[in-house]
Amino acid sequence: MYVLVAGGGEVGFHLAKALIEAAHEVVVIESDRRRAQWIEEQLGSVVLNAPADEGRYQIEAGCQRADAVLAVTGDDAKNLVICQLARHNCPGGRVIARVNDPKNEIVFKALGIDETVSSTRVLMNVLEQELPTSGFLPLMPLTGSHLEIIEAEISPGTPAVGRSVRSLKLPEGSLVGGIVRSGKVVPAVGEAVLEVGDRVIVFAPTVAEADVRKVLAG
């Protein structure tokens, strides 16, 4: 597999190193000359010292035949430009973006970049799983859409206690997919009433996450 890594910072370097160790062909595009030289000293002649957000350098790096382009700089705006150019220059490969600010994931998806990775969101999800007081957990985004899966625990005093699924005023485009009660799945039919301790699985637009939280967890 041939992978083009746009950005030679810590993320890009370690990603490239892991790919090379896994016997993949890799080219790193890094604009900073000193950083590019250092990467070359560590990994060999796999570095193109150039700005990855200029299409001609993507083409010079062989973007046309790449199986994947990974935009992993520390600048979301730059990663977005890299991805948009890569979609044009590398029509046959996957384009994946690192998103530093989770709020920017919506922008990436709106502009057609569906494969994003937010380290902030990943860490928050891990923390929320570990914190016993947390009753609201965004589980994962759904690839190729602007949707995500959310799990919410119905705790005492929360707005959803005693309400039927039909009466929940969830944001437009949201759907209750199931209810887990005492270890068993309860169908999320319209008249099903939510009880304390229920865990509700919701499919919702990413942009509506805060509104879903307000309805279910307060």
N, C-alpha and C. Protein backbone atom coordinates (compact mmCIF):
# COMPACT_ATOMS: atom_id res chain seq x y z
N MET A 1 0.84 -1.19 0.00
CA MET A 1 0.00 0.00 0.00
C MET A 1 0.87 1.24 0.00
N TYR A 2 0.51 2.22 -0.82
CA TYR A 2 1.25 3.48 -0.87
C TYR A 2 0.46 4.55 -0.13
N VAL A 3 1.09 5.17 0.86
CA VAL A 3 0.41 6.16 1.70
C VAL A 3 1.17 7.48 1.65
N LEU A 4 0.43 8.54 1.42
CA LEU A 4 1.00 9.89 1.43
C LEU A 4 0.63 10.55 2.75
N VAL A 5 1.64 10.90 3.56
CA VAL A 5 1.41 11.52 4.87
C VAL A 5 1.72 13.01 4.74
N ALA A 6 0.70 13.83 4.87
CA ALA A 6 0.85 15.28 4.74
C ALA A 6 1.03 15.89 6.13
N GLY A 7 2.26 16.26 6.45
CA GLY A 7 2.56 16.80 7.76
C GLY A 7 3.53 15.90 8.50
N GLY A 8 4.70 16.45 8.83
CA GLY A 8 5.73 15.64 9.47
C GLY A 8 5.96 15.98 10.93
N GLY A 9 4.92 16.43 11.61
CA GLY A 9 5.03 16.67 13.05
C GLY A 9 5.11 15.34 13.79
N GLU A 10 4.86 15.38 15.10
CA GLU A 10 4.96 14.15 15.89
C GLU A 10 3.98 13.08 15.40
N VAL A 11 2.76 13.52 15.10
CA VAL A 11 1.76 12.55 14.63
C VAL A 11 2.19 11.97 13.29
N GLY A 12 2.55 12.85 12.35
CA GLY A 12 2.94 12.39 11.02
C GLY A 12 4.17 11.51 11.04
N PHE A 13 5.16 11.88 11.86
CA PHE A 13 6.40 11.10 11.94
C PHE A 13 6.14 9.69 12.45
N HIS A 14 5.44 9.59 13.59
CA HIS A 14 5.21 8.27 14.18
C HIS A 14 4.28 7.43 13.30
N LEU A 15 3.35 8.08 12.63
CA LEU A 15 2.47 7.36 11.72
C LEU A 15 3.28 6.80 10.55
N ALA A 16 4.13 7.64 9.96
CA ALA A 16 4.98 7.20 8.85
C ALA A 16 5.90 6.06 9.29
N LYS A 17 6.49 6.20 10.46
CA LYS A 17 7.40 5.17 10.99
C LYS A 17 6.69 3.83 11.14
N ALA A 18 5.46 3.88 11.68
CA ALA A 18 4.69 2.64 11.88
C ALA A 18 4.32 2.01 10.54
N LEU A 19 3.97 2.84 9.56
CA LEU A 19 3.61 2.33 8.24
C LEU A 19 4.81 1.68 7.55
N ILE A 20 5.97 2.34 7.67
CA ILE A 20 7.18 1.78 7.07
C ILE A 20 7.54 0.45 7.72
N GLU A 21 7.43 0.38 9.03
CA GLU A 21 7.73 -0.86 9.75
C GLU A 21 6.76 -1.98 9.36
N ALA A 22 5.57 -1.57 8.91
CA ALA A 22 4.58 -2.56 8.46
C ALA A 22 4.73 -2.87 6.97
N ALA A 23 5.85 -2.41 6.39
CA ALA A 23 6.22 -2.72 5.00
C ALA A 23 5.37 -1.99 3.96
N HIS A 24 4.84 -0.83 4.33
CA HIS A 24 4.10 -0.02 3.36
C HIS A 24 5.03 1.02 2.74
N GLU A 25 4.70 1.46 1.55
CA GLU A 25 5.45 2.53 0.90
C GLU A 25 4.89 3.86 1.38
N VAL A 26 5.77 4.76 1.80
CA VAL A 26 5.33 6.01 2.42
C VAL A 26 6.13 7.19 1.87
N VAL A 27 5.43 8.30 1.67
CA VAL A 27 6.08 9.58 1.43
C VAL A 27 5.49 10.61 2.39
N VAL A 28 6.36 11.33 3.08
CA VAL A 28 5.95 12.39 4.00
C VAL A 28 6.20 13.73 3.33
N ILE A 29 5.18 14.58 3.30
CA ILE A 29 5.35 15.94 2.79
C ILE A 29 5.43 16.88 3.99
N GLU A 30 6.55 17.54 4.16
CA GLU A 30 6.77 18.43 5.30
C GLU A 30 7.38 19.74 4.81
N SER A 31 6.77 20.86 5.18
CA SER A 31 7.20 22.16 4.66
C SER A 31 8.42 22.74 5.39
N ASP A 32 8.59 22.37 6.65
CA ASP A 32 9.72 22.90 7.41
C ASP A 32 11.01 22.15 7.03
N ARG A 33 12.01 22.89 6.56
CA ARG A 33 13.22 22.27 6.04
C ARG A 33 13.96 21.45 7.11
N ARG A 34 14.14 22.04 8.29
CA ARG A 34 14.87 21.33 9.35
C ARG A 34 14.13 20.08 9.79
N ARG A 35 12.83 20.20 9.91
CA ARG A 35 12.04 19.02 10.30
C ARG A 35 12.12 17.94 9.23
N ALA A 36 12.06 18.35 7.97
CA ALA A 36 12.14 17.39 6.87
C ALA A 36 13.48 16.67 6.88
N GLN A 37 14.56 17.42 7.14
CA GLN A 37 15.89 16.81 7.20
C GLN A 37 15.99 15.81 8.35
N TRP A 38 15.41 16.18 9.49
CA TRP A 38 15.46 15.29 10.65
C TRP A 38 14.70 13.99 10.38
N ILE A 39 13.53 14.11 9.75
CA ILE A 39 12.74 12.91 9.42
C ILE A 39 13.51 12.03 8.46
N GLU A 40 14.19 12.65 7.49
CA GLU A 40 14.97 11.88 6.53
C GLU A 40 16.11 11.13 7.23
N GLU A 41 16.70 11.78 8.23
CA GLU A 41 17.76 11.11 8.99
C GLU A 41 17.22 9.89 9.74
N GLN A 42 15.97 9.99 10.19
CA GLN A 42 15.37 8.92 10.98
C GLN A 42 14.80 7.80 10.11
N LEU A 43 14.17 8.18 8.99
CA LEU A 43 13.40 7.21 8.22
C LEU A 43 13.95 6.92 6.83
N GLY A 44 14.92 7.73 6.40
CA GLY A 44 15.45 7.53 5.05
C GLY A 44 14.81 8.49 4.05
N SER A 45 15.03 8.21 2.78
CA SER A 45 14.59 9.13 1.71
C SER A 45 13.10 8.97 1.41
N VAL A 46 12.30 9.37 2.38
CA VAL A 46 10.84 9.26 2.21
C VAL A 46 10.17 10.62 2.37
N VAL A 47 10.97 11.70 2.32
CA VAL A 47 10.44 13.02 2.65
C VAL A 47 10.52 13.95 1.45
N LEU A 48 9.44 14.67 1.21
CA LEU A 48 9.42 15.75 0.23
C LEU A 48 9.29 17.05 1.01
N ASN A 49 10.31 17.90 0.95
CA ASN A 49 10.30 19.18 1.66
C ASN A 49 9.51 20.20 0.84
N ALA A 50 8.22 20.29 1.13
CA ALA A 50 7.33 21.16 0.37
C ALA A 50 6.03 21.33 1.14
N PRO A 51 5.24 22.37 0.83
CA PRO A 51 3.93 22.53 1.47
C PRO A 51 2.91 21.55 0.89
N ALA A 52 2.29 20.78 1.75
CA ALA A 52 1.34 19.75 1.30
C ALA A 52 0.03 20.34 0.83
N ASP A 53 -0.21 21.63 1.15
CA ASP A 53 -1.47 22.25 0.73
C ASP A 53 -1.34 22.94 -0.62
N GLU A 54 -0.37 22.52 -1.42
CA GLU A 54 -0.25 22.97 -2.81
C GLU A 54 -0.31 21.74 -3.70
N GLY A 55 -1.26 21.75 -4.62
CA GLY A 55 -1.53 20.58 -5.43
C GLY A 55 -0.34 20.05 -6.21
N ARG A 56 0.53 20.94 -6.70
CA ARG A 56 1.66 20.46 -7.52
C ARG A 56 2.59 19.56 -6.73
N TYR A 57 2.71 19.83 -5.42
CA TYR A 57 3.60 18.99 -4.62
C TYR A 57 2.95 17.65 -4.27
N GLN A 58 1.63 17.64 -4.15
CA GLN A 58 0.95 16.36 -3.99
C GLN A 58 1.17 15.49 -5.21
N ILE A 59 1.07 16.11 -6.38
CA ILE A 59 1.29 15.37 -7.63
C ILE A 59 2.74 14.90 -7.72
N GLU A 60 3.68 15.78 -7.32
CA GLU A 60 5.10 15.40 -7.34
C GLU A 60 5.36 14.20 -6.43
N ALA A 61 4.60 14.13 -5.33
CA ALA A 61 4.77 13.02 -4.38
C ALA A 61 4.08 11.74 -4.85
N GLY A 62 3.39 11.81 -5.99
CA GLY A 62 2.74 10.62 -6.52
C GLY A 62 1.35 10.39 -5.99
N CYS A 63 0.66 11.49 -5.68
CA CYS A 63 -0.69 11.39 -5.11
C CYS A 63 -1.64 10.59 -6.01
N GLN A 64 -1.39 10.66 -7.32
CA GLN A 64 -2.30 9.99 -8.27
C GLN A 64 -2.39 8.50 -8.03
N ARG A 65 -1.33 7.89 -7.53
CA ARG A 65 -1.34 6.44 -7.33
C ARG A 65 -1.46 6.05 -5.86
N ALA A 66 -1.65 7.04 -5.00
CA ALA A 66 -1.71 6.74 -3.56
C ALA A 66 -2.98 5.98 -3.19
N ASP A 67 -2.83 5.02 -2.29
CA ASP A 67 -3.99 4.31 -1.76
C ASP A 67 -4.68 5.11 -0.67
N ALA A 68 -3.91 5.99 -0.02
CA ALA A 68 -4.49 6.82 1.03
C ALA A 68 -3.67 8.09 1.20
N VAL A 69 -4.35 9.18 1.49
CA VAL A 69 -3.71 10.45 1.82
C VAL A 69 -4.16 10.82 3.22
N LEU A 70 -3.17 11.03 4.11
CA LEU A 70 -3.47 11.34 5.50
C LEU A 70 -3.02 12.77 5.79
N ALA A 71 -3.97 13.66 6.05
CA ALA A 71 -3.66 15.05 6.37
C ALA A 71 -3.58 15.18 7.89
N VAL A 72 -2.35 15.29 8.42
CA VAL A 72 -2.17 15.20 9.87
C VAL A 72 -1.35 16.37 10.43
N THR A 73 -1.45 17.54 9.81
CA THR A 73 -0.77 18.71 10.37
C THR A 73 -1.53 19.16 11.62
N GLY A 74 -0.97 20.10 12.33
CA GLY A 74 -1.63 20.62 13.52
C GLY A 74 -2.58 21.77 13.24
N ASP A 75 -2.84 22.03 11.95
CA ASP A 75 -3.67 23.16 11.53
C ASP A 75 -4.88 22.61 10.79
N ASP A 76 -6.08 22.76 11.37
CA ASP A 76 -7.28 22.22 10.75
C ASP A 76 -7.55 22.82 9.38
N ALA A 77 -7.36 24.15 9.24
CA ALA A 77 -7.61 24.81 7.96
C ALA A 77 -6.69 24.24 6.88
N LYS A 78 -5.44 24.01 7.23
CA LYS A 78 -4.49 23.45 6.27
C LYS A 78 -4.87 22.01 5.92
N ASN A 79 -5.28 21.24 6.92
CA ASN A 79 -5.69 19.86 6.65
C ASN A 79 -6.89 19.81 5.72
N LEU A 80 -7.80 20.76 5.87
CA LEU A 80 -8.97 20.81 5.01
C LEU A 80 -8.58 21.07 3.56
N VAL A 81 -7.67 22.02 3.35
CA VAL A 81 -7.20 22.32 2.00
C VAL A 81 -6.48 21.11 1.40
N ILE A 82 -5.63 20.48 2.21
CA ILE A 82 -4.91 19.29 1.75
C ILE A 82 -5.89 18.21 1.28
N CYS A 83 -6.93 18.00 2.06
CA CYS A 83 -7.91 16.96 1.73
C CYS A 83 -8.69 17.30 0.46
N GLN A 84 -9.09 18.55 0.33
CA GLN A 84 -9.83 18.94 -0.86
C GLN A 84 -8.99 18.79 -2.12
N LEU A 85 -7.72 19.17 -2.04
CA LEU A 85 -6.82 18.99 -3.18
C LEU A 85 -6.59 17.50 -3.47
N ALA A 86 -6.44 16.72 -2.41
CA ALA A 86 -6.19 15.29 -2.57
C ALA A 86 -7.38 14.58 -3.22
N ARG A 87 -8.57 15.01 -2.91
CA ARG A 87 -9.76 14.41 -3.53
C ARG A 87 -9.74 14.63 -5.03
N HIS A 88 -9.16 15.74 -5.46
CA HIS A 88 -9.06 16.05 -6.88
C HIS A 88 -7.87 15.33 -7.52
N ASN A 89 -6.72 15.35 -6.82
CA ASN A 89 -5.49 14.79 -7.37
C ASN A 89 -5.36 13.29 -7.19
N CYS A 90 -6.10 12.76 -6.22
CA CYS A 90 -5.97 11.34 -5.86
C CYS A 90 -7.36 10.71 -5.80
N PRO A 91 -8.07 10.69 -6.93
CA PRO A 91 -9.48 10.25 -6.92
C PRO A 91 -9.68 8.80 -6.51
N GLY A 92 -8.63 7.97 -6.62
CA GLY A 92 -8.80 6.56 -6.30
C GLY A 92 -8.44 6.18 -4.88
N GLY A 93 -7.91 7.11 -4.10
CA GLY A 93 -7.44 6.79 -2.75
C GLY A 93 -8.35 7.34 -1.66
N ARG A 94 -8.18 6.81 -0.48
CA ARG A 94 -8.93 7.31 0.67
C ARG A 94 -8.26 8.59 1.17
N VAL A 95 -9.08 9.53 1.61
CA VAL A 95 -8.57 10.79 2.14
C VAL A 95 -9.04 10.90 3.59
N ILE A 96 -8.07 10.96 4.51
CA ILE A 96 -8.39 10.97 5.93
C ILE A 96 -7.75 12.19 6.58
N ALA A 97 -8.52 12.90 7.41
CA ALA A 97 -8.03 14.13 8.00
C ALA A 97 -7.94 14.04 9.52
N ARG A 98 -6.88 14.58 10.06
CA ARG A 98 -6.77 14.81 11.50
C ARG A 98 -7.50 16.11 11.80
N VAL A 99 -8.41 16.09 12.76
CA VAL A 99 -9.14 17.29 13.15
C VAL A 99 -8.79 17.60 14.60
N ASN A 100 -8.17 18.73 14.83
CA ASN A 100 -7.70 19.08 16.17
C ASN A 100 -8.83 19.61 17.06
N ASP A 101 -9.72 20.40 16.47
CA ASP A 101 -10.87 20.93 17.20
C ASP A 101 -12.10 20.14 16.77
N PRO A 102 -12.72 19.35 17.67
CA PRO A 102 -13.88 18.53 17.30
C PRO A 102 -14.99 19.31 16.62
N LYS A 103 -15.13 20.59 16.95
CA LYS A 103 -16.19 21.40 16.33
C LYS A 103 -15.98 21.52 14.82
N ASN A 104 -14.74 21.38 14.37
CA ASN A 104 -14.46 21.52 12.94
C ASN A 104 -14.81 20.27 12.13
N GLU A 105 -15.12 19.17 12.82
CA GLU A 105 -15.51 17.96 12.09
C GLU A 105 -16.73 18.22 11.22
N ILE A 106 -17.62 19.05 11.69
CA ILE A 106 -18.83 19.38 10.92
C ILE A 106 -18.46 20.05 9.61
N VAL A 107 -17.47 20.95 9.67
CA VAL A 107 -17.02 21.66 8.47
C VAL A 107 -16.42 20.69 7.47
N PHE A 108 -15.58 19.78 7.95
CA PHE A 108 -14.94 18.79 7.07
C PHE A 108 -16.01 17.95 6.38
N LYS A 109 -16.97 17.47 7.14
CA LYS A 109 -18.01 16.60 6.58
C LYS A 109 -18.90 17.36 5.61
N ALA A 110 -19.19 18.63 5.93
CA ALA A 110 -20.02 19.44 5.04
C ALA A 110 -19.34 19.65 3.70
N LEU A 111 -18.01 19.65 3.68
CA LEU A 111 -17.26 19.85 2.45
C LEU A 111 -16.82 18.53 1.82
N GLY A 112 -17.41 17.44 2.30
CA GLY A 112 -17.20 16.16 1.64
C GLY A 112 -16.06 15.31 2.15
N ILE A 113 -15.39 15.75 3.23
CA ILE A 113 -14.30 14.95 3.81
C ILE A 113 -14.91 14.11 4.94
N ASP A 114 -15.29 12.89 4.62
CA ASP A 114 -16.07 12.09 5.55
C ASP A 114 -15.24 11.31 6.56
N GLU A 115 -13.97 11.10 6.26
CA GLU A 115 -13.13 10.31 7.17
C GLU A 115 -12.25 11.25 7.97
N THR A 116 -12.63 11.47 9.22
CA THR A 116 -11.89 12.37 10.10
C THR A 116 -11.56 11.66 11.40
N VAL A 117 -10.46 12.08 12.00
CA VAL A 117 -10.05 11.54 13.30
C VAL A 117 -9.76 12.72 14.22
N SER A 118 -10.47 12.79 15.32
CA SER A 118 -10.25 13.86 16.30
C SER A 118 -9.67 13.26 17.57
N SER A 119 -8.40 13.54 17.84
CA SER A 119 -7.78 12.99 19.05
C SER A 119 -8.47 13.53 20.30
N THR A 120 -8.94 14.78 20.23
CA THR A 120 -9.65 15.37 21.37
C THR A 120 -10.92 14.58 21.68
N ARG A 121 -11.68 14.27 20.61
CA ARG A 121 -12.92 13.53 20.82
C ARG A 121 -12.63 12.12 21.33
N VAL A 122 -11.60 11.48 20.79
CA VAL A 122 -11.24 10.13 21.24
C VAL A 122 -10.91 10.13 22.72
N LEU A 123 -10.09 11.11 23.15
CA LEU A 123 -9.71 11.18 24.55
C LEU A 123 -10.91 11.47 25.45
N MET A 124 -11.80 12.36 24.98
CA MET A 124 -13.00 12.66 25.77
C MET A 124 -13.88 11.43 25.92
N ASN A 125 -14.00 10.65 24.84
CA ASN A 125 -14.81 9.44 24.92
C ASN A 125 -14.23 8.45 25.92
N VAL A 126 -12.90 8.32 25.91
CA VAL A 126 -12.24 7.43 26.87
C VAL A 126 -12.49 7.91 28.29
N LEU A 127 -12.34 9.21 28.52
CA LEU A 127 -12.56 9.77 29.85
C LEU A 127 -14.00 9.56 30.30
N GLU A 128 -14.95 9.79 29.39
CA GLU A 128 -16.35 9.66 29.77
C GLU A 128 -16.70 8.21 30.11
N GLN A 129 -16.03 7.26 29.45
CA GLN A 129 -16.26 5.86 29.79
C GLN A 129 -15.72 5.53 31.18
N GLU A 130 -14.65 6.22 31.58
CA GLU A 130 -14.01 5.93 32.85
C GLU A 130 -14.66 6.66 34.03
N LEU A 131 -15.31 7.79 33.75
CA LEU A 131 -15.89 8.58 34.84
C LEU A 131 -17.25 8.02 35.23
N PRO A 132 -17.40 7.56 36.47
CA PRO A 132 -18.65 6.92 36.87
C PRO A 132 -19.83 7.86 36.90
N THR A 133 -19.61 9.17 36.98
CA THR A 133 -20.72 10.12 37.06
C THR A 133 -21.26 10.47 35.68
N SER A 134 -20.59 10.04 34.65
CA SER A 134 -21.01 10.39 33.30
C SER A 134 -22.16 9.53 32.84
N GLY A 135 -23.24 10.16 32.37
CA GLY A 135 -24.38 9.40 31.88
C GLY A 135 -24.64 9.66 30.42
N PHE A 136 -23.77 10.38 29.76
CA PHE A 136 -23.96 10.73 28.35
C PHE A 136 -22.67 10.49 27.61
N LEU A 137 -22.70 9.62 26.60
CA LEU A 137 -21.47 9.21 25.94
C LEU A 137 -21.64 9.14 24.43
N PRO A 138 -21.02 10.07 23.67
CA PRO A 138 -20.98 9.94 22.22
C PRO A 138 -20.07 8.75 21.88
N LEU A 139 -20.62 7.72 21.27
CA LEU A 139 -19.87 6.49 21.05
C LEU A 139 -18.98 6.55 19.82
N MET A 140 -19.54 6.94 18.67
CA MET A 140 -18.75 6.94 17.45
C MET A 140 -19.49 7.66 16.32
N PRO A 141 -18.73 8.27 15.40
CA PRO A 141 -19.36 8.85 14.21
C PRO A 141 -19.66 7.74 13.22
N LEU A 142 -20.65 7.95 12.38
CA LEU A 142 -20.99 6.99 11.34
C LEU A 142 -20.32 7.42 10.05
N THR A 143 -19.43 6.58 9.52
CA THR A 143 -18.67 6.91 8.33
C THR A 143 -19.59 7.21 7.16
N GLY A 144 -19.26 8.28 6.44
CA GLY A 144 -20.02 8.63 5.24
C GLY A 144 -21.29 9.40 5.53
N SER A 145 -21.42 9.91 6.75
CA SER A 145 -22.62 10.68 7.09
C SER A 145 -22.25 11.76 8.10
N HIS A 146 -23.23 12.58 8.44
CA HIS A 146 -23.03 13.60 9.47
C HIS A 146 -23.65 13.14 10.78
N LEU A 147 -23.76 11.84 10.95
CA LEU A 147 -24.44 11.27 12.12
C LEU A 147 -23.44 10.63 13.07
N GLU A 148 -23.90 10.44 14.32
CA GLU A 148 -23.11 9.72 15.30
C GLU A 148 -24.04 8.90 16.18
N ILE A 149 -23.46 7.94 16.89
CA ILE A 149 -24.22 7.11 17.84
C ILE A 149 -23.94 7.61 19.24
N ILE A 150 -24.99 7.83 19.99
CA ILE A 150 -24.88 8.36 21.36
C ILE A 150 -25.54 7.39 22.33
N GLU A 151 -24.90 7.21 23.48
CA GLU A 151 -25.49 6.41 24.55
C GLU A 151 -25.74 7.32 25.74
N ALA A 152 -26.96 7.29 26.26
CA ALA A 152 -27.30 8.14 27.40
C ALA A 152 -27.97 7.31 28.49
N GLU A 153 -27.53 7.49 29.73
CA GLU A 153 -28.15 6.82 30.86
C GLU A 153 -29.23 7.71 31.45
N ILE A 154 -30.39 7.11 31.69
CA ILE A 154 -31.50 7.86 32.29
C ILE A 154 -31.33 7.82 33.81
N SER A 155 -30.90 8.94 34.36
CA SER A 155 -30.62 9.03 35.80
C SER A 155 -31.78 9.71 36.52
N PRO A 156 -31.87 9.52 37.85
CA PRO A 156 -32.94 10.19 38.60
C PRO A 156 -32.89 11.70 38.41
N GLY A 157 -34.05 12.29 38.19
CA GLY A 157 -34.13 13.73 38.05
C GLY A 157 -33.85 14.27 36.67
N THR A 158 -33.48 13.40 35.72
CA THR A 158 -33.23 13.87 34.36
C THR A 158 -34.56 14.04 33.62
N PRO A 159 -34.61 14.90 32.61
CA PRO A 159 -35.87 15.24 31.94
C PRO A 159 -36.60 14.07 31.30
N ALA A 160 -35.87 13.01 30.93
CA ALA A 160 -36.50 11.92 30.18
C ALA A 160 -37.18 10.88 31.06
N VAL A 161 -36.96 10.92 32.37
CA VAL A 161 -37.55 9.91 33.27
C VAL A 161 -39.07 9.95 33.16
N GLY A 162 -39.68 8.76 32.91
CA GLY A 162 -41.13 8.67 32.87
C GLY A 162 -41.76 9.13 31.58
N ARG A 163 -40.95 9.51 30.62
CA ARG A 163 -41.50 9.98 29.34
C ARG A 163 -41.44 8.86 28.31
N SER A 164 -42.39 8.87 27.41
CA SER A 164 -42.40 7.88 26.33
C SER A 164 -41.42 8.32 25.25
N VAL A 165 -40.97 7.36 24.48
CA VAL A 165 -40.06 7.66 23.37
C VAL A 165 -40.72 8.66 22.42
N ARG A 166 -42.02 8.46 22.18
CA ARG A 166 -42.73 9.32 21.24
C ARG A 166 -42.76 10.79 21.69
N SER A 167 -42.79 11.00 23.02
CA SER A 167 -42.94 12.37 23.54
C SER A 167 -41.60 13.10 23.69
N LEU A 168 -40.49 12.41 23.47
CA LEU A 168 -39.19 13.08 23.58
C LEU A 168 -39.03 14.10 22.45
N LYS A 169 -38.64 15.27 22.79
CA LYS A 169 -38.47 16.31 21.78
C LYS A 169 -37.02 16.35 21.31
N LEU A 170 -36.63 15.25 20.65
CA LEU A 170 -35.27 15.15 20.14
C LEU A 170 -35.11 16.05 18.91
N PRO A 171 -33.88 16.48 18.64
CA PRO A 171 -33.64 17.34 17.46
C PRO A 171 -34.04 16.62 16.17
N GLU A 172 -34.37 17.40 15.16
CA GLU A 172 -34.73 16.85 13.87
C GLU A 172 -33.61 15.95 13.34
N GLY A 173 -33.99 14.80 12.80
CA GLY A 173 -33.00 13.88 12.26
C GLY A 173 -32.48 12.88 13.27
N SER A 174 -32.97 12.95 14.52
CA SER A 174 -32.52 12.03 15.58
C SER A 174 -33.52 10.89 15.74
N LEU A 175 -33.02 9.74 16.16
CA LEU A 175 -33.87 8.56 16.31
C LEU A 175 -33.37 7.70 17.46
N VAL A 176 -34.28 7.27 18.34
CA VAL A 176 -33.92 6.33 19.39
C VAL A 176 -33.87 4.94 18.78
N GLY A 177 -32.71 4.32 18.82
CA GLY A 177 -32.53 3.01 18.17
C GLY A 177 -32.79 1.84 19.08
N GLY A 178 -32.72 2.05 20.38
CA GLY A 178 -32.94 0.96 21.31
C GLY A 178 -32.80 1.40 22.75
N ILE A 179 -33.30 0.59 23.66
CA ILE A 179 -33.21 0.85 25.09
C ILE A 179 -32.65 -0.40 25.75
N VAL A 180 -31.62 -0.24 26.57
CA VAL A 180 -31.07 -1.37 27.32
C VAL A 180 -31.53 -1.25 28.76
N ARG A 181 -32.27 -2.25 29.22
CA ARG A 181 -32.84 -2.22 30.57
C ARG A 181 -32.54 -3.54 31.27
N SER A 182 -31.82 -3.46 32.38
CA SER A 182 -31.45 -4.66 33.15
C SER A 182 -30.75 -5.71 32.28
N GLY A 183 -29.90 -5.22 31.39
CA GLY A 183 -29.12 -6.13 30.55
C GLY A 183 -29.86 -6.67 29.35
N LYS A 184 -31.09 -6.25 29.12
CA LYS A 184 -31.87 -6.73 27.98
C LYS A 184 -32.27 -5.54 27.10
N VAL A 185 -32.42 -5.83 25.81
CA VAL A 185 -32.81 -4.79 24.87
C VAL A 185 -34.32 -4.68 24.82
N VAL A 186 -34.81 -3.46 25.02
CA VAL A 186 -36.24 -3.18 24.95
C VAL A 186 -36.49 -2.41 23.65
N PRO A 187 -37.45 -2.85 22.83
CA PRO A 187 -37.73 -2.13 21.58
C PRO A 187 -38.09 -0.66 21.86
N ALA A 188 -37.52 0.24 21.07
CA ALA A 188 -37.77 1.67 21.29
C ALA A 188 -39.02 2.11 20.53
N VAL A 189 -40.14 1.44 20.80
CA VAL A 189 -41.41 1.81 20.16
C VAL A 189 -41.91 3.11 20.76
N GLY A 190 -42.81 3.76 20.07
CA GLY A 190 -43.25 5.09 20.46
C GLY A 190 -43.80 5.20 21.86
N GLU A 191 -44.49 4.16 22.35
CA GLU A 191 -45.12 4.25 23.66
C GLU A 191 -44.24 3.71 24.78
N ALA A 192 -43.04 3.23 24.47
CA ALA A 192 -42.13 2.73 25.51
C ALA A 192 -41.76 3.88 26.45
N VAL A 193 -41.90 3.64 27.75
CA VAL A 193 -41.62 4.67 28.75
C VAL A 193 -40.23 4.46 29.34
N LEU A 194 -39.46 5.54 29.41
CA LEU A 194 -38.10 5.45 29.92
C LEU A 194 -38.08 5.42 31.43
N GLU A 195 -37.24 4.55 31.98
CA GLU A 195 -37.14 4.37 33.43
C GLU A 195 -35.72 4.71 33.89
N VAL A 196 -35.60 5.01 35.18
CA VAL A 196 -34.28 5.25 35.75
C VAL A 196 -33.40 4.01 35.57
N GLY A 197 -32.19 4.22 35.10
CA GLY A 197 -31.26 3.12 34.86
C GLY A 197 -31.23 2.65 33.42
N ASP A 198 -32.23 3.05 32.62
CA ASP A 198 -32.22 2.69 31.20
C ASP A 198 -31.02 3.34 30.52
N ARG A 199 -30.48 2.65 29.54
CA ARG A 199 -29.46 3.23 28.67
C ARG A 199 -30.05 3.31 27.28
N VAL A 200 -30.10 4.52 26.76
CA VAL A 200 -30.77 4.78 25.49
C VAL A 200 -29.73 4.98 24.39
N ILE A 201 -29.91 4.29 23.29
CA ILE A 201 -29.02 4.43 22.14
C ILE A 201 -29.71 5.32 21.11
N VAL A 202 -29.05 6.40 20.74
CA VAL A 202 -29.65 7.38 19.83
C VAL A 202 -28.75 7.59 18.62
N PHE A 203 -29.36 7.63 17.45
CA PHE A 203 -28.68 8.05 16.22
C PHE A 203 -29.05 9.52 16.00
N ALA A 204 -28.04 10.38 15.89
CA ALA A 204 -28.32 11.81 15.80
C ALA A 204 -27.29 12.53 14.94
N PRO A 205 -27.69 13.66 14.35
CA PRO A 205 -26.70 14.49 13.64
C PRO A 205 -25.62 14.96 14.60
N THR A 206 -24.38 14.93 14.18
CA THR A 206 -23.28 15.37 15.04
C THR A 206 -23.50 16.77 15.57
N VAL A 207 -24.04 17.64 14.73
CA VAL A 207 -24.25 19.02 15.12
C VAL A 207 -25.30 19.15 16.23
N ALA A 208 -26.13 18.12 16.41
CA ALA A 208 -27.22 18.18 17.40
C ALA A 208 -26.88 17.51 18.72
N GLU A 209 -25.62 17.14 18.91
CA GLU A 209 -25.23 16.39 20.10
C GLU A 209 -25.63 17.11 21.40
N ALA A 210 -25.38 18.42 21.48
CA ALA A 210 -25.70 19.18 22.69
C ALA A 210 -27.20 19.17 22.97
N ASP A 211 -28.01 19.24 21.92
CA ASP A 211 -29.48 19.24 22.09
C ASP A 211 -29.97 17.88 22.56
N VAL A 212 -29.35 16.81 22.05
CA VAL A 212 -29.73 15.47 22.51
C VAL A 212 -29.38 15.33 23.99
N ARG A 213 -28.22 15.85 24.38
CA ARG A 213 -27.81 15.80 25.79
C ARG A 213 -28.84 16.51 26.67
N LYS A 214 -29.31 17.66 26.22
CA LYS A 214 -30.27 18.44 27.03
C LYS A 214 -31.57 17.66 27.21
N VAL A 215 -32.04 16.99 26.16
CA VAL A 215 -33.31 16.26 26.23
C VAL A 215 -33.20 15.05 27.16
N LEU A 216 -32.10 14.31 27.07
CA LEU A 216 -31.99 13.06 27.80
C LEU A 216 -31.31 13.19 29.17
N ALA A 217 -30.32 14.07 29.26
CA ALA A 217 -29.53 14.14 30.50
C ALA A 217 -29.70 15.46 31.23
N GLY A 218 -30.31 16.44 30.61
CA GLY A 218 -30.51 17.73 31.28
C GLY A 218 -29.34 18.66 31.16
